[in-house]
């Protein structure tokens, strides 16, 4: 239960950071390109790659701390980082077919979900 509360707290912090960063970046230019979201996804992936590797190879931190940072903070900051990390883990463990399937299905289903959700929403 304690780990869950830490993950939830980390998730709130990550979500707040995502909101602030995307708001700041998306208001600094009027190009219409989602620079904030792109930045969040890239920074999240860089950070989860660094931390996951450091936790596995060098840093001796508790499983609660790992969950708080990797699942909570970075999961709240961007789920793209979790998705990317899981995909890389599958590739590294030799599960190439599963990794490719996950990559393709996640992207296709995510885009399809958006389109279907838009169609199901009431028209204004």
PDB file of N, CA and C in Angstrom:
ATOM      1  N   UNK A   1       0.825  -1.196   0.000  1.00  0.00           N
ATOM      2  CA  UNK A   1       0.000   0.000   0.000  1.00  0.00           C
ATOM      3  C   UNK A   1       0.870   1.261   0.000  1.00  0.00           C
ATOM      4  N   UNK A   2       1.984   1.215   0.708  1.00  0.00           N
ATOM      5  CA  UNK A   2       2.881   2.372   0.752  1.00  0.00           C
ATOM      6  C   UNK A   2       3.441   2.675  -0.630  1.00  0.00           C
ATOM      7  N   UNK A   3       3.849   1.634  -1.353  1.00  0.00           N
ATOM      8  CA  UNK A   3       4.384   1.838  -2.699  1.00  0.00           C
ATOM      9  C   UNK A   3       3.329   2.472  -3.594  1.00  0.00           C
ATOM     10  N   UNK A   4       2.098   2.005  -3.499  1.00  0.00           N
ATOM     11  CA  UNK A   4       1.018   2.577  -4.302  1.00  0.00           C
ATOM     12  C   UNK A   4       0.861   4.068  -4.032  1.00  0.00           C
ATOM     13  N   UNK A   5       0.907   4.474  -2.786  1.00  0.00           N
ATOM     14  CA  UNK A   5       0.772   5.903  -2.451  1.00  0.00           C
ATOM     15  C   UNK A   5       1.937   6.721  -3.011  1.00  0.00           C
ATOM     16  N   UNK A   6       3.140   6.157  -2.961  1.00  0.00           N
ATOM     17  CA  UNK A   6       4.290   6.851  -3.536  1.00  0.00           C
ATOM     18  C   UNK A   6       4.170   6.969  -5.050  1.00  0.00           C
ATOM     19  N   UNK A   7       3.702   5.891  -5.702  1.00  0.00           N
ATOM     20  CA  UNK A   7       3.515   5.925  -7.154  1.00  0.00           C
ATOM     21  C   UNK A   7       2.468   6.968  -7.515  1.00  0.00           C
ATOM     22  N   UNK A   8       1.392   7.024  -6.753  1.00  0.00           N
ATOM     23  CA  UNK A   8       0.340   8.015  -7.023  1.00  0.00           C
ATOM     24  C   UNK A   8       0.859   9.437  -6.831  1.00  0.00           C
ATOM     25  N   UNK A   9       1.654   9.653  -5.810  1.00  0.00           N
ATOM     26  CA  UNK A   9       2.243  10.977  -5.569  1.00  0.00           C
ATOM     27  C   UNK A   9       3.192  11.347  -6.701  1.00  0.00           C
ATOM     28  N   UNK A  10       4.005  10.377  -7.116  1.00  0.00           N
ATOM     29  CA  UNK A  10       4.911  10.613  -8.244  1.00  0.00           C
ATOM     30  C   UNK A  10       4.151  10.903  -9.517  1.00  0.00           C
ATOM     31  N   UNK A  11       3.044  10.194  -9.722  1.00  0.00           N
ATOM     32  CA  UNK A  11       2.212  10.425 -10.904  1.00  0.00           C
ATOM     33  C   UNK A  11       1.659  11.838 -10.937  1.00  0.00           C
ATOM     34  N   UNK A  12       1.246  12.325  -9.782  1.00  0.00           N
ATOM     35  CA  UNK A  12       0.743  13.703  -9.712  1.00  0.00           C
ATOM     36  C   UNK A  12       1.847  14.698 -10.054  1.00  0.00           C
ATOM     37  N   UNK A  13       3.032  14.453  -9.533  1.00  0.00           N
ATOM     38  CA  UNK A  13       4.164  15.350  -9.821  1.00  0.00           C
ATOM     39  C   UNK A  13       4.529  15.309 -11.307  1.00  0.00           C
ATOM     40  N   UNK A  14       4.551  14.118 -11.882  1.00  0.00           N
ATOM     41  CA  UNK A  14       4.878  13.986 -13.305  1.00  0.00           C
ATOM     42  C   UNK A  14       3.834  14.639 -14.188  1.00  0.00           C
ATOM     43  N   UNK A  15       2.570  14.466 -13.844  1.00  0.00           N
ATOM     44  CA  UNK A  15       1.495  15.087 -14.626  1.00  0.00           C
ATOM     45  C   UNK A  15       1.569  16.603 -14.550  1.00  0.00           C
ATOM     46  N   UNK A  16       1.866  17.104 -13.374  1.00  0.00           N
ATOM     47  CA  UNK A  16       2.010  18.554 -13.213  1.00  0.00           C
ATOM     48  C   UNK A  16       3.174  19.090 -14.026  1.00  0.00           C
ATOM     49  N   UNK A  17       4.278  18.368 -14.011  1.00  0.00           N
ATOM     50  CA  UNK A  17       5.448  18.784 -14.801  1.00  0.00           C
ATOM     51  C   UNK A  17       5.135  18.757 -16.291  1.00  0.00           C
ATOM     52  N   UNK A  18       4.418  17.720 -16.740  1.00  0.00           N
ATOM     53  CA  UNK A  18       4.040  17.639 -18.159  1.00  0.00           C
ATOM     54  C   UNK A  18       3.169  18.823 -18.536  1.00  0.00           C
ATOM     55  N   UNK A  19       2.193  19.129 -17.715  1.00  0.00           N
ATOM     56  CA  UNK A  19       1.293  20.247 -17.995  1.00  0.00           C
ATOM     57  C   UNK A  19       2.073  21.561 -18.104  1.00  0.00           C
ATOM     58  N   UNK A  20       2.938  21.814 -17.137  1.00  0.00           N
ATOM     59  CA  UNK A  20       3.685  23.070 -17.139  1.00  0.00           C
ATOM     60  C   UNK A  20       4.627  23.176 -18.341  1.00  0.00           C
ATOM     61  N   UNK A  21       5.342  22.094 -18.645  1.00  0.00           N
ATOM     62  CA  UNK A  21       6.281  22.131 -19.762  1.00  0.00           C
ATOM     63  C   UNK A  21       5.567  22.280 -21.100  1.00  0.00           C
ATOM     64  N   UNK A  22       4.504  21.522 -21.314  1.00  0.00           N
ATOM     65  CA  UNK A  22       3.808  21.639 -22.598  1.00  0.00           C
ATOM     66  C   UNK A  22       3.136  22.998 -22.727  1.00  0.00           C
ATOM     67  N   UNK A  23       2.616  23.511 -21.646  1.00  0.00           N
ATOM     68  CA  UNK A  23       1.995  24.846 -21.702  1.00  0.00           C
ATOM     69  C   UNK A  23       3.028  25.918 -22.037  1.00  0.00           C
ATOM     70  N   UNK A  24       4.168  25.834 -21.404  1.00  0.00           N
ATOM     71  CA  UNK A  24       5.239  26.795 -21.659  1.00  0.00           C
ATOM     72  C   UNK A  24       5.708  26.704 -23.110  1.00  0.00           C
ATOM     73  N   UNK A  25       5.967  25.507 -23.580  1.00  0.00           N
ATOM     74  CA  UNK A  25       6.521  25.344 -24.929  1.00  0.00           C
ATOM     75  C   UNK A  25       5.490  25.613 -26.018  1.00  0.00           C
ATOM     76  N   UNK A  26       4.251  25.263 -25.784  1.00  0.00           N
ATOM     77  CA  UNK A  26       3.231  25.457 -26.814  1.00  0.00           C
ATOM     78  C   UNK A  26       2.757  26.900 -26.911  1.00  0.00           C
ATOM     79  N   UNK A  27       3.094  27.722 -25.921  1.00  0.00           N
ATOM     80  CA  UNK A  27       2.711  29.129 -25.995  1.00  0.00           C
ATOM     81  C   UNK A  27       3.856  30.007 -26.472  1.00  0.00           C
ATOM     82  N   UNK A  28       5.050  29.434 -26.633  1.00  0.00           N
ATOM     83  CA  UNK A  28       6.181  30.247 -27.083  1.00  0.00           C
ATOM     84  C   UNK A  28       6.249  30.357 -28.599  1.00  0.00           C
ATOM     85  N   UNK A  29       5.420  29.641 -29.293  1.00  0.00           N
ATOM     86  CA  UNK A  29       5.397  29.717 -30.747  1.00  0.00           C
ATOM     87  C   UNK A  29       4.008  29.367 -31.256  1.00  0.00           C
ATOM     88  N   UNK A  30       3.646  29.900 -32.376  1.00  0.00           N
ATOM     89  CA  UNK A  30       2.316  29.669 -32.921  1.00  0.00           C
ATOM     90  C   UNK A  30       2.357  28.833 -34.196  1.00  0.00           C
ATOM     91  N   UNK A  31       3.306  27.901 -34.268  1.00  0.00           N
ATOM     92  CA  UNK A  31       3.444  27.099 -35.478  1.00  0.00           C
ATOM     93  C   UNK A  31       2.373  26.025 -35.584  1.00  0.00           C
ATOM     94  N   UNK A  32       1.710  25.703 -34.477  1.00  0.00           N
ATOM     95  CA  UNK A  32       0.724  24.640 -34.489  1.00  0.00           C
ATOM     96  C   UNK A  32       1.340  23.267 -34.277  1.00  0.00           C
ATOM     97  N   UNK A  33       2.673  23.185 -34.252  1.00  0.00           N
ATOM     98  CA  UNK A  33       3.351  21.915 -34.019  1.00  0.00           C
ATOM     99  C   UNK A  33       3.443  21.676 -32.512  1.00  0.00           C
ATOM    100  N   UNK A  34       3.139  20.463 -32.048  1.00  0.00           N
ATOM    101  CA  UNK A  34       3.130  20.196 -30.595  1.00  0.00           C
ATOM    102  C   UNK A  34       4.534  19.988 -30.014  1.00  0.00           C
ATOM    103  N   UNK A  35       5.318  21.052 -29.995  1.00  0.00           N
ATOM    104  CA  UNK A  35       6.681  20.964 -29.478  1.00  0.00           C
ATOM    105  C   UNK A  35       6.711  20.518 -28.023  1.00  0.00           C
ATOM    106  N   UNK A  36       5.755  20.958 -27.242  1.00  0.00           N
ATOM    107  CA  UNK A  36       5.705  20.583 -25.826  1.00  0.00           C
ATOM    108  C   UNK A  36       5.560  19.084 -25.648  1.00  0.00           C
ATOM    109  N   UNK A  37       4.633  18.485 -26.366  1.00  0.00           N
ATOM    110  CA  UNK A  37       4.419  17.043 -26.266  1.00  0.00           C
ATOM    111  C   UNK A  37       5.631  16.280 -26.778  1.00  0.00           C
ATOM    112  N   UNK A  38       6.202  16.734 -27.876  1.00  0.00           N
ATOM    113  CA  UNK A  38       7.401  16.106 -28.411  1.00  0.00           C
ATOM    114  C   UNK A  38       8.531  16.150 -27.388  1.00  0.00           C
ATOM    115  N   UNK A  39       8.719  17.301 -26.760  1.00  0.00           N
ATOM    116  CA  UNK A  39       9.770  17.464 -25.762  1.00  0.00           C
ATOM    117  C   UNK A  39       9.531  16.555 -24.566  1.00  0.00           C
ATOM    118  N   UNK A  40       8.293  16.510 -24.093  1.00  0.00           N
ATOM    119  CA  UNK A  40       7.952  15.647 -22.962  1.00  0.00           C
ATOM    120  C   UNK A  40       8.259  14.186 -23.296  1.00  0.00           C
ATOM    121  N   UNK A  41       7.874  13.742 -24.483  1.00  0.00           N
ATOM    122  CA  UNK A  41       8.111  12.351 -24.858  1.00  0.00           C
ATOM    123  C   UNK A  41       9.601  12.034 -24.954  1.00  0.00           C
ATOM    124  N   UNK A  42      10.379  12.912 -25.559  1.00  0.00           N
ATOM    125  CA  UNK A  42      11.811  12.666 -25.712  1.00  0.00           C
ATOM    126  C   UNK A  42      12.518  12.734 -24.352  1.00  0.00           C
ATOM    127  N   UNK A  43      12.208  13.741 -23.556  1.00  0.00           N
ATOM    128  CA  UNK A  43      12.820  13.869 -22.227  1.00  0.00           C
ATOM    129  C   UNK A  43      12.421  12.682 -21.352  1.00  0.00           C
ATOM    130  N   UNK A  44      11.155  12.281 -21.426  1.00  0.00           N
ATOM    131  CA  UNK A  44      10.697  11.133 -20.649  1.00  0.00           C
ATOM    132  C   UNK A  44      11.424   9.860 -21.042  1.00  0.00           C
ATOM    133  N   UNK A  45      11.604   9.641 -22.333  1.00  0.00           N
ATOM    134  CA  UNK A  45      12.320   8.450 -22.804  1.00  0.00           C
ATOM    135  C   UNK A  45      13.780   8.482 -22.392  1.00  0.00           C
ATOM    136  N   UNK A  46      14.427   9.624 -22.538  1.00  0.00           N
ATOM    137  CA  UNK A  46      15.821   9.762 -22.122  1.00  0.00           C
ATOM    138  C   UNK A  46      15.956   9.471 -20.626  1.00  0.00           C
ATOM    139  N   UNK A  47      15.063  10.029 -19.843  1.00  0.00           N
ATOM    140  CA  UNK A  47      15.128   9.878 -18.392  1.00  0.00           C
ATOM    141  C   UNK A  47      14.845   8.445 -17.953  1.00  0.00           C
ATOM    142  N   UNK A  48      13.816   7.812 -18.534  1.00  0.00           N
ATOM    143  CA  UNK A  48      13.516   6.439 -18.122  1.00  0.00           C
ATOM    144  C   UNK A  48      14.621   5.489 -18.565  1.00  0.00           C
ATOM    145  N   UNK A  49      15.232   5.755 -19.715  1.00  0.00           N
ATOM    146  CA  UNK A  49      16.358   4.933 -20.158  1.00  0.00           C
ATOM    147  C   UNK A  49      17.538   5.044 -19.208  1.00  0.00           C
ATOM    148  N   UNK A  50      17.855   6.259 -18.815  1.00  0.00           N
ATOM    149  CA  UNK A  50      18.965   6.504 -17.891  1.00  0.00           C
ATOM    150  C   UNK A  50      18.692   5.863 -16.537  1.00  0.00           C
ATOM    151  N   UNK A  51      17.528   6.160 -15.964  1.00  0.00           N
ATOM    152  CA  UNK A  51      17.223   5.660 -14.622  1.00  0.00           C
ATOM    153  C   UNK A  51      17.096   4.139 -14.588  1.00  0.00           C
ATOM    154  N   UNK A  52      16.388   3.561 -15.552  1.00  0.00           N
ATOM    155  CA  UNK A  52      16.216   2.104 -15.554  1.00  0.00           C
ATOM    156  C   UNK A  52      17.564   1.406 -15.649  1.00  0.00           C
ATOM    157  N   UNK A  53      18.443   1.928 -16.473  1.00  0.00           N
ATOM    158  CA  UNK A  53      19.774   1.344 -16.612  1.00  0.00           C
ATOM    159  C   UNK A  53      20.588   1.527 -15.334  1.00  0.00           C
ATOM    160  N   UNK A  54      20.545   2.714 -14.768  1.00  0.00           N
ATOM    161  CA  UNK A  54      21.291   2.981 -13.532  1.00  0.00           C
ATOM    162  C   UNK A  54      20.770   2.121 -12.382  1.00  0.00           C
ATOM    163  N   UNK A  55      19.462   1.960 -12.296  1.00  0.00           N
ATOM    164  CA  UNK A  55      18.889   1.117 -11.236  1.00  0.00           C
ATOM    165  C   UNK A  55      19.314  -0.337 -11.404  1.00  0.00           C
ATOM    166  N   UNK A  56      19.348  -0.798 -12.633  1.00  0.00           N
ATOM    167  CA  UNK A  56      19.686  -2.194 -12.905  1.00  0.00           C
ATOM    168  C   UNK A  56      21.185  -2.458 -12.736  1.00  0.00           C
ATOM    169  N   UNK A  57      22.010  -1.493 -13.136  1.00  0.00           N
ATOM    170  CA  UNK A  57      23.447  -1.744 -13.209  1.00  0.00           C
ATOM    171  C   UNK A  57      24.291  -1.130 -12.097  1.00  0.00           C
ATOM    172  N   UNK A  58      23.891  -0.004 -11.544  1.00  0.00           N
ATOM    173  CA  UNK A  58      24.784   0.688 -10.619  1.00  0.00           C
ATOM    174  C   UNK A  58      24.143   1.145  -9.322  1.00  0.00           C
ATOM    175  N   UNK A  59      23.020   1.803  -9.426  1.00  0.00           N
ATOM    176  CA  UNK A  59      22.425   2.401  -8.240  1.00  0.00           C
ATOM    177  C   UNK A  59      21.617   1.363  -7.476  1.00  0.00           C
ATOM    178  N   UNK A  60      21.849   1.300  -6.191  1.00  0.00           N
ATOM    179  CA  UNK A  60      21.123   0.385  -5.327  1.00  0.00           C
ATOM    180  C   UNK A  60      20.012   1.165  -4.617  1.00  0.00           C
ATOM    181  N   UNK A  61      18.845   1.188  -5.232  1.00  0.00           N
ATOM    182  CA  UNK A  61      17.709   1.891  -4.639  1.00  0.00           C
ATOM    183  C   UNK A  61      16.565   0.900  -4.439  1.00  0.00           C
ATOM    184  N   UNK A  62      15.693   1.236  -3.530  1.00  0.00           N
ATOM    185  CA  UNK A  62      14.588   0.334  -3.195  1.00  0.00           C
ATOM    186  C   UNK A  62      13.611   0.190  -4.363  1.00  0.00           C
ATOM    187  N   UNK A  63      12.862  -0.885  -4.327  1.00  0.00           N
ATOM    188  CA  UNK A  63      11.850  -1.102  -5.366  1.00  0.00           C
ATOM    189  C   UNK A  63      10.767  -0.034  -5.286  1.00  0.00           C
ATOM    190  N   UNK A  64      10.519   0.494  -4.101  1.00  0.00           N
ATOM    191  CA  UNK A  64       9.540   1.574  -3.958  1.00  0.00           C
ATOM    192  C   UNK A  64      10.032   2.832  -4.656  1.00  0.00           C
ATOM    193  N   UNK A  65      11.298   3.161  -4.493  1.00  0.00           N
ATOM    194  CA  UNK A  65      11.869   4.330  -5.162  1.00  0.00           C
ATOM    195  C   UNK A  65      11.833   4.141  -6.669  1.00  0.00           C
ATOM    196  N   UNK A  66      12.194   2.961  -7.126  1.00  0.00           N
ATOM    197  CA  UNK A  66      12.151   2.683  -8.561  1.00  0.00           C
ATOM    198  C   UNK A  66      10.734   2.848  -9.101  1.00  0.00           C
ATOM    199  N   UNK A  67       9.759   2.272  -8.426  1.00  0.00           N
ATOM    200  CA  UNK A  67       8.369   2.375  -8.872  1.00  0.00           C
ATOM    201  C   UNK A  67       7.895   3.822  -8.842  1.00  0.00           C
ATOM    202  N   UNK A  68       8.273   4.547  -7.799  1.00  0.00           N
ATOM    203  CA  UNK A  68       7.864   5.952  -7.683  1.00  0.00           C
ATOM    204  C   UNK A  68       8.372   6.759  -8.868  1.00  0.00           C
ATOM    205  N   UNK A  69       9.635   6.575  -9.217  1.00  0.00           N
ATOM    206  CA  UNK A  69      10.226   7.361 -10.297  1.00  0.00           C
ATOM    207  C   UNK A  69       9.834   6.859 -11.680  1.00  0.00           C
ATOM    208  N   UNK A  70       9.947   5.546 -11.906  1.00  0.00           N
ATOM    209  CA  UNK A  70       9.699   5.010 -13.249  1.00  0.00           C
ATOM    210  C   UNK A  70       8.213   4.932 -13.590  1.00  0.00           C
ATOM    211  N   UNK A  71       7.422   4.433 -12.685  1.00  0.00           N
ATOM    212  CA  UNK A  71       5.981   4.273 -12.943  1.00  0.00           C
ATOM    213  C   UNK A  71       5.222   5.543 -12.590  1.00  0.00           C
ATOM    214  N   UNK A  72       5.520   6.101 -11.428  1.00  0.00           N
ATOM    215  CA  UNK A  72       4.797   7.281 -10.963  1.00  0.00           C
ATOM    216  C   UNK A  72       5.165   8.553 -11.698  1.00  0.00           C
ATOM    217  N   UNK A  73       6.359   9.066 -11.421  1.00  0.00           N
ATOM    218  CA  UNK A  73       6.766  10.355 -12.001  1.00  0.00           C
ATOM    219  C   UNK A  73       6.800  10.295 -13.523  1.00  0.00           C
ATOM    220  N   UNK A  74       7.538   9.332 -14.069  1.00  0.00           N
ATOM    221  CA  UNK A  74       7.661   9.285 -15.527  1.00  0.00           C
ATOM    222  C   UNK A  74       6.396   8.780 -16.199  1.00  0.00           C
ATOM    223  N   UNK A  75       5.651   7.912 -15.524  1.00  0.00           N
ATOM    224  CA  UNK A  75       4.364   7.483 -16.066  1.00  0.00           C
ATOM    225  C   UNK A  75       3.378   8.631 -16.118  1.00  0.00           C
ATOM    226  N   UNK A  76       3.433   9.499 -15.107  1.00  0.00           N
ATOM    227  CA  UNK A  76       2.588  10.696 -15.119  1.00  0.00           C
ATOM    228  C   UNK A  76       3.081  11.728 -16.113  1.00  0.00           C
ATOM    229  N   UNK A  77       4.393  11.794 -16.272  1.00  0.00           N
ATOM    230  CA  UNK A  77       4.995  12.753 -17.199  1.00  0.00           C
ATOM    231  C   UNK A  77       4.677  12.366 -18.635  1.00  0.00           C
ATOM    232  N   UNK A  78       4.851  11.087 -18.965  1.00  0.00           N
ATOM    233  CA  UNK A  78       4.521  10.594 -20.298  1.00  0.00           C
ATOM    234  C   UNK A  78       4.459   9.082 -20.292  1.00  0.00           C
ATOM    235  N   UNK A  79       3.344   8.517 -20.726  1.00  0.00           N
ATOM    236  CA  UNK A  79       3.281   7.060 -20.836  1.00  0.00           C
ATOM    237  C   UNK A  79       4.077   6.588 -22.037  1.00  0.00           C
ATOM    238  N   UNK A  80       4.434   7.484 -22.920  1.00  0.00           N
ATOM    239  CA  UNK A  80       5.253   7.112 -24.072  1.00  0.00           C
ATOM    240  C   UNK A  80       6.596   6.570 -23.610  1.00  0.00           C
ATOM    241  N   UNK A  81       7.119   7.111 -22.509  1.00  0.00           N
ATOM    242  CA  UNK A  81       8.399   6.620 -22.003  1.00  0.00           C
ATOM    243  C   UNK A  81       8.266   5.183 -21.516  1.00  0.00           C
ATOM    244  N   UNK A  82       7.183   4.855 -20.843  1.00  0.00           N
ATOM    245  CA  UNK A  82       6.967   3.479 -20.379  1.00  0.00           C
ATOM    246  C   UNK A  82       6.811   2.536 -21.565  1.00  0.00           C
ATOM    247  N   UNK A  83       6.018   2.932 -22.529  1.00  0.00           N
ATOM    248  CA  UNK A  83       5.810   2.134 -23.737  1.00  0.00           C
ATOM    249  C   UNK A  83       7.141   1.882 -24.445  1.00  0.00           C
ATOM    250  N   UNK A  84       7.940   2.918 -24.597  1.00  0.00           N
ATOM    251  CA  UNK A  84       9.231   2.790 -25.281  1.00  0.00           C
ATOM    252  C   UNK A  84      10.172   1.881 -24.509  1.00  0.00           C
ATOM    253  N   UNK A  85      10.207   2.049 -23.190  1.00  0.00           N
ATOM    254  CA  UNK A  85      11.076   1.221 -22.352  1.00  0.00           C
ATOM    255  C   UNK A  85      10.670  -0.244 -22.433  1.00  0.00           C
ATOM    256  N   UNK A  86       9.404  -0.530 -22.367  1.00  0.00           N
ATOM    257  CA  UNK A  86       8.923  -1.909 -22.462  1.00  0.00           C
ATOM    258  C   UNK A  86       9.273  -2.527 -23.821  1.00  0.00           C
ATOM    259  N   UNK A  87       9.146  -1.734 -24.871  1.00  0.00           N
ATOM    260  CA  UNK A  87       9.486  -2.226 -26.207  1.00  0.00           C
ATOM    261  C   UNK A  87      10.969  -2.581 -26.289  1.00  0.00           C
ATOM    262  N   UNK A  88      11.822  -1.692 -25.789  1.00  0.00           N
ATOM    263  CA  UNK A  88      13.270  -1.943 -25.797  1.00  0.00           C
ATOM    264  C   UNK A  88      13.601  -3.173 -24.957  1.00  0.00           C
ATOM    265  N   UNK A  89      12.951  -3.332 -23.810  1.00  0.00           N
ATOM    266  CA  UNK A  89      13.202  -4.512 -22.978  1.00  0.00           C
ATOM    267  C   UNK A  89      12.880  -5.796 -23.734  1.00  0.00           C
ATOM    268  N   UNK A  90      11.785  -5.800 -24.497  1.00  0.00           N
ATOM    269  CA  UNK A  90      11.435  -6.978 -25.281  1.00  0.00           C
ATOM    270  C   UNK A  90      12.490  -7.255 -26.357  1.00  0.00           C
ATOM    271  N   UNK A  91      12.939  -6.200 -27.036  1.00  0.00           N
ATOM    272  CA  UNK A  91      13.999  -6.370 -28.041  1.00  0.00           C
ATOM    273  C   UNK A  91      15.268  -6.920 -27.390  1.00  0.00           C
ATOM    274  N   UNK A  92      15.658  -6.349 -26.250  1.00  0.00           N
ATOM    275  CA  UNK A  92      16.887  -6.776 -25.581  1.00  0.00           C
ATOM    276  C   UNK A  92      16.815  -8.215 -25.091  1.00  0.00           C
ATOM    277  N   UNK A  93      15.623  -8.680 -24.756  1.00  0.00           N
ATOM    278  CA  UNK A  93      15.488 -10.057 -24.278  1.00  0.00           C
ATOM    279  C   UNK A  93      15.267 -11.036 -25.429  1.00  0.00           C
ATOM    280  N   UNK A  94      15.385 -10.543 -26.667  1.00  0.00           N
ATOM    281  CA  UNK A  94      15.265 -11.408 -27.823  1.00  0.00           C
ATOM    282  C   UNK A  94      13.838 -11.706 -28.254  1.00  0.00           C
ATOM    283  N   UNK A  95      12.887 -11.002 -27.679  1.00  0.00           N
ATOM    284  CA  UNK A  95      11.483 -11.212 -28.028  1.00  0.00           C
ATOM    285  C   UNK A  95      11.108 -10.245 -29.151  1.00  0.00           C
ATOM    286  N   UNK A  96      11.736 -10.418 -30.295  1.00  0.00           N
ATOM    287  CA  UNK A  96      11.601  -9.491 -31.420  1.00  0.00           C
ATOM    288  C   UNK A  96      10.172  -9.434 -31.963  1.00  0.00           C
ATOM    289  N   UNK A  97       9.557 -10.585 -32.118  1.00  0.00           N
ATOM    290  CA  UNK A  97       8.189 -10.617 -32.626  1.00  0.00           C
ATOM    291  C   UNK A  97       7.224  -9.908 -31.701  1.00  0.00           C
ATOM    292  N   UNK A  98       7.356 -10.166 -30.406  1.00  0.00           N
ATOM    293  CA  UNK A  98       6.483  -9.519 -29.420  1.00  0.00           C
ATOM    294  C   UNK A  98       6.713  -8.009 -29.416  1.00  0.00           C
ATOM    295  N   UNK A  99       7.982  -7.606 -29.525  1.00  0.00           N
ATOM    296  CA  UNK A  99       8.307  -6.182 -29.522  1.00  0.00           C
ATOM    297  C   UNK A  99       7.710  -5.480 -30.736  1.00  0.00           C
ATOM    298  N   UNK A 100       7.864  -6.100 -31.901  1.00  0.00           N
ATOM    299  CA  UNK A 100       7.302  -5.503 -33.115  1.00  0.00           C
ATOM    300  C   UNK A 100       5.781  -5.465 -33.062  1.00  0.00           C
ATOM    301  N   UNK A 101       5.188  -6.545 -32.569  1.00  0.00           N
ATOM    302  CA  UNK A 101       3.732  -6.586 -32.434  1.00  0.00           C
ATOM    303  C   UNK A 101       3.247  -5.494 -31.487  1.00  0.00           C
ATOM    304  N   UNK A 102       3.913  -5.356 -30.350  1.00  0.00           N
ATOM    305  CA  UNK A 102       3.555  -4.329 -29.362  1.00  0.00           C
ATOM    306  C   UNK A 102       3.684  -2.934 -29.960  1.00  0.00           C
ATOM    307  N   UNK A 103       4.766  -2.722 -30.684  1.00  0.00           N
ATOM    308  CA  UNK A 103       5.013  -1.439 -31.327  1.00  0.00           C
ATOM    309  C   UNK A 103       3.915  -1.103 -32.335  1.00  0.00           C
ATOM    310  N   UNK A 104       3.611  -2.051 -33.201  1.00  0.00           N
ATOM    311  CA  UNK A 104       2.604  -1.823 -34.238  1.00  0.00           C
ATOM    312  C   UNK A 104       1.190  -1.711 -33.668  1.00  0.00           C
ATOM    313  N   UNK A 105       0.840  -2.641 -32.791  1.00  0.00           N
ATOM    314  CA  UNK A 105      -0.521  -2.635 -32.240  1.00  0.00           C
ATOM    315  C   UNK A 105      -0.743  -1.404 -31.372  1.00  0.00           C
ATOM    316  N   UNK A 106       0.228  -1.031 -30.569  1.00  0.00           N
ATOM    317  CA  UNK A 106       0.068   0.145 -29.706  1.00  0.00           C
ATOM    318  C   UNK A 106      -0.183   1.409 -30.520  1.00  0.00           C
ATOM    319  N   UNK A 107       0.609   1.580 -31.574  1.00  0.00           N
ATOM    320  CA  UNK A 107       0.435   2.777 -32.402  1.00  0.00           C
ATOM    321  C   UNK A 107      -0.862   2.731 -33.194  1.00  0.00           C
ATOM    322  N   UNK A 108      -1.122   1.605 -33.841  1.00  0.00           N
ATOM    323  CA  UNK A 108      -2.344   1.488 -34.651  1.00  0.00           C
ATOM    324  C   UNK A 108      -3.593   1.576 -33.776  1.00  0.00           C
ATOM    325  N   UNK A 109      -3.588   0.857 -32.656  1.00  0.00           N
ATOM    326  CA  UNK A 109      -4.764   0.870 -31.775  1.00  0.00           C
ATOM    327  C   UNK A 109      -4.946   2.237 -31.120  1.00  0.00           C
ATOM    328  N   UNK A 110      -3.845   2.882 -30.784  1.00  0.00           N
ATOM    329  CA  UNK A 110      -3.945   4.218 -30.199  1.00  0.00           C
ATOM    330  C   UNK A 110      -4.564   5.213 -31.169  1.00  0.00           C
ATOM    331  N   UNK A 111      -4.082   5.200 -32.409  1.00  0.00           N
ATOM    332  CA  UNK A 111      -4.644   6.102 -33.424  1.00  0.00           C
ATOM    333  C   UNK A 111      -6.096   5.745 -33.728  1.00  0.00           C
ATOM    334  N   UNK A 112      -6.369   4.449 -33.832  1.00  0.00           N
ATOM    335  CA  UNK A 112      -7.749   4.014 -34.091  1.00  0.00           C
ATOM    336  C   UNK A 112      -8.656   4.402 -32.930  1.00  0.00           C
ATOM    337  N   UNK A 113      -8.148   4.247 -31.724  1.00  0.00           N
ATOM    338  CA  UNK A 113      -8.936   4.633 -30.547  1.00  0.00           C
ATOM    339  C   UNK A 113      -9.307   6.102 -30.565  1.00  0.00           C
ATOM    340  N   UNK A 114      -8.371   6.935 -30.935  1.00  0.00           N
ATOM    341  CA  UNK A 114      -8.657   8.373 -31.040  1.00  0.00           C
ATOM    342  C   UNK A 114      -9.753   8.615 -32.071  1.00  0.00           C
ATOM    343  N   UNK A 115      -9.613   8.025 -33.253  1.00  0.00           N
ATOM    344  CA  UNK A 115     -10.592   8.221 -34.314  1.00  0.00           C
ATOM    345  C   UNK A 115     -11.974   7.700 -33.926  1.00  0.00           C
ATOM    346  N   UNK A 116     -12.013   6.514 -33.336  1.00  0.00           N
ATOM    347  CA  UNK A 116     -13.303   5.947 -32.917  1.00  0.00           C
ATOM    348  C   UNK A 116     -13.930   6.795 -31.814  1.00  0.00           C
ATOM    349  N   UNK A 117     -13.105   7.196 -30.855  1.00  0.00           N
ATOM    350  CA  UNK A 117     -13.613   8.062 -29.792  1.00  0.00           C
ATOM    351  C   UNK A 117     -14.174   9.363 -30.324  1.00  0.00           C
ATOM    352  N   UNK A 118     -13.511   9.929 -31.323  1.00  0.00           N
ATOM    353  CA  UNK A 118     -13.992  11.172 -31.932  1.00  0.00           C
ATOM    354  C   UNK A 118     -15.333  10.939 -32.628  1.00  0.00           C
ATOM    355  N   UNK A 119     -15.476   9.794 -33.287  1.00  0.00           N
ATOM    356  CA  UNK A 119     -16.739   9.480 -33.984  1.00  0.00           C
ATOM    357  C   UNK A 119     -17.874   9.236 -33.001  1.00  0.00           C
ATOM    358  N   UNK A 120     -17.547   8.646 -31.844  1.00  0.00           N
ATOM    359  CA  UNK A 120     -18.573   8.332 -30.847  1.00  0.00           C
ATOM    360  C   UNK A 120     -18.996   9.547 -30.032  1.00  0.00           C
ATOM    361  N   UNK A 121     -18.164  10.562 -30.007  1.00  0.00           N
ATOM    362  CA  UNK A 121     -18.488  11.754 -29.213  1.00  0.00           C
ATOM    363  C   UNK A 121     -19.657  12.494 -29.842  1.00  0.00           C
ATOM    364  N   UNK A 122     -20.486  13.117 -29.024  1.00  0.00           N
ATOM    365  CA  UNK A 122     -21.601  13.873 -29.581  1.00  0.00           C
ATOM    366  C   UNK A 122     -21.121  15.036 -30.437  1.00  0.00           C
ATOM    367  N   UNK A 123     -21.777  15.242 -31.550  1.00  0.00           N
ATOM    368  CA  UNK A 123     -21.429  16.338 -32.461  1.00  0.00           C
ATOM    369  C   UNK A 123     -21.978  17.638 -31.887  1.00  0.00           C
ATOM    370  N   UNK A 124     -21.191  18.679 -32.030  1.00  0.00           N
ATOM    371  CA  UNK A 124     -21.594  19.965 -31.479  1.00  0.00           C
ATOM    372  C   UNK A 124     -22.163  20.841 -32.449  1.00  0.00           C
TER     373      UNK A 124
END
